Amino acid sequence: MSERNHFEDENRALALSALTLVKTLMNALERKGVLDGGEIDAVVEESLVALEYRHQDAATGLARRIVEAIAVMRSGHLPGQPPKGLV
């Protein structure tokens, strides 16, 4: 049996906390009408582009997968309806 890798656990925990914070903030901004769905989608896309051109270490790869998951969750809702699965 292999030992748990605490460094990877810490990266995952930080990534999960960042994901939760960003999802909550995006939902609040969309509910209050500060940003519409298209603007939030543009923020997600810009984030993906920024991560794509960074050195691809394990932490950056994890961050990219998280942002991609947000994009996939947002694309799964019907037009005119709020996104499902985001907090």
Protein backbone atom coordinates (compact mmCIF):
# COMPACT_ATOMS: atom_id res chain seq x y z
CA MET A 1 0.00 0.00 0.00
CA SER A 2 1.36 3.43 -0.89
CA GLU A 3 1.60 6.37 1.48
CA ARG A 4 -0.80 9.24 1.01
CA ASN A 5 0.76 12.15 -0.78
CA HIS A 6 0.02 15.12 1.46
CA PHE A 7 1.28 17.58 -1.15
CA GLU A 8 -1.36 16.36 -3.63
CA ASP A 9 -3.99 16.42 -0.88
CA GLU A 10 -3.11 20.05 -0.15
CA ASN A 11 -3.32 20.97 -3.85
CA ARG A 12 -6.72 19.32 -4.13
CA ALA A 13 -7.99 21.04 -0.98
CA LEU A 14 -6.81 24.45 -2.21
CA ALA A 15 -8.35 23.79 -5.61
CA LEU A 16 -11.66 22.76 -4.05
CA SER A 17 -11.77 25.87 -1.88
CA ALA A 18 -10.99 28.09 -4.89
CA LEU A 19 -13.66 26.31 -6.96
CA THR A 20 -16.26 26.80 -4.24
CA LEU A 21 -15.39 30.47 -3.81
CA VAL A 22 -15.49 31.18 -7.54
CA LYS A 23 -18.74 29.28 -8.13
CA THR A 24 -20.44 31.08 -5.24
CA LEU A 25 -19.23 34.47 -6.44
CA MET A 26 -20.29 33.80 -10.04
CA ASN A 27 -23.76 32.71 -8.91
CA ALA A 28 -24.19 35.77 -6.68
CA LEU A 29 -23.13 38.16 -9.47
CA GLU A 30 -25.48 36.48 -11.92
CA ARG A 31 -28.43 36.48 -9.48
CA LYS A 32 -27.94 40.20 -8.73
CA GLY A 33 -27.74 40.99 -12.44
CA VAL A 34 -24.21 42.38 -12.20
CA LEU A 35 -23.02 39.93 -14.86
CA ASP A 36 -25.13 37.99 -17.30
CA GLY A 37 -24.50 34.40 -18.33
CA GLY A 38 -22.53 35.36 -21.43
CA GLU A 39 -20.19 37.56 -19.41
CA ILE A 40 -19.57 34.79 -16.88
CA ASP A 41 -18.91 32.33 -19.71
CA ALA A 42 -16.38 34.83 -21.11
CA VAL A 43 -14.63 34.96 -17.72
CA VAL A 44 -14.43 31.15 -17.65
CA GLU A 45 -13.06 31.10 -21.21
CA GLU A 46 -10.46 33.77 -20.42
CA SER A 47 -9.39 31.76 -17.37
CA LEU A 48 -8.92 28.65 -19.51
CA VAL A 49 -6.81 30.57 -22.01
CA ALA A 50 -4.64 32.01 -19.22
CA LEU A 51 -4.06 28.56 -17.74
CA GLU A 52 -3.34 27.02 -21.13
CA TYR A 53 -0.23 29.12 -21.67
CA ARG A 54 1.25 28.58 -18.21
CA HIS A 55 3.80 25.93 -17.31
CA GLN A 56 1.78 22.73 -17.05
CA ASP A 57 2.75 21.35 -13.65
CA ALA A 58 0.37 19.15 -11.65
CA ALA A 59 -1.26 22.07 -9.80
CA THR A 60 -1.89 24.01 -13.03
CA GLY A 61 -3.33 20.89 -14.64
CA LEU A 62 -5.69 20.49 -11.70
CA ALA A 63 -6.71 24.16 -11.92
CA ARG A 64 -7.41 23.78 -15.64
CA ARG A 65 -9.56 20.69 -15.08
CA ILE A 66 -11.58 22.58 -12.47
CA VAL A 67 -12.22 25.54 -14.78
CA GLU A 68 -13.13 23.11 -17.58
CA ALA A 69 -15.62 21.43 -15.21
CA ILE A 70 -17.22 24.83 -14.51
CA ALA A 71 -17.54 25.43 -18.26
CA VAL A 72 -19.13 22.01 -18.78
CA MET A 73 -21.58 22.52 -15.89
CA ARG A 74 -22.57 25.96 -17.24
CA SER A 75 -23.11 24.64 -20.76
CA GLY A 76 -25.51 21.97 -19.46
CA HIS A 77 -28.33 24.42 -18.70
CA LEU A 78 -31.10 25.50 -21.04
CA PRO A 79 -31.05 29.04 -22.47
CA GLY A 80 -32.97 31.45 -20.26
CA GLN A 81 -32.63 29.23 -17.18
CA PRO A 82 -30.06 29.58 -14.41
CA PRO A 83 -27.18 27.10 -14.50
CA LYS A 84 -27.66 23.94 -12.51
CA GLY A 85 -24.99 22.31 -10.38
CA LEU A 86 -23.13 25.49 -9.51
CA VAL A 87 -23.45 25.63 -5.72
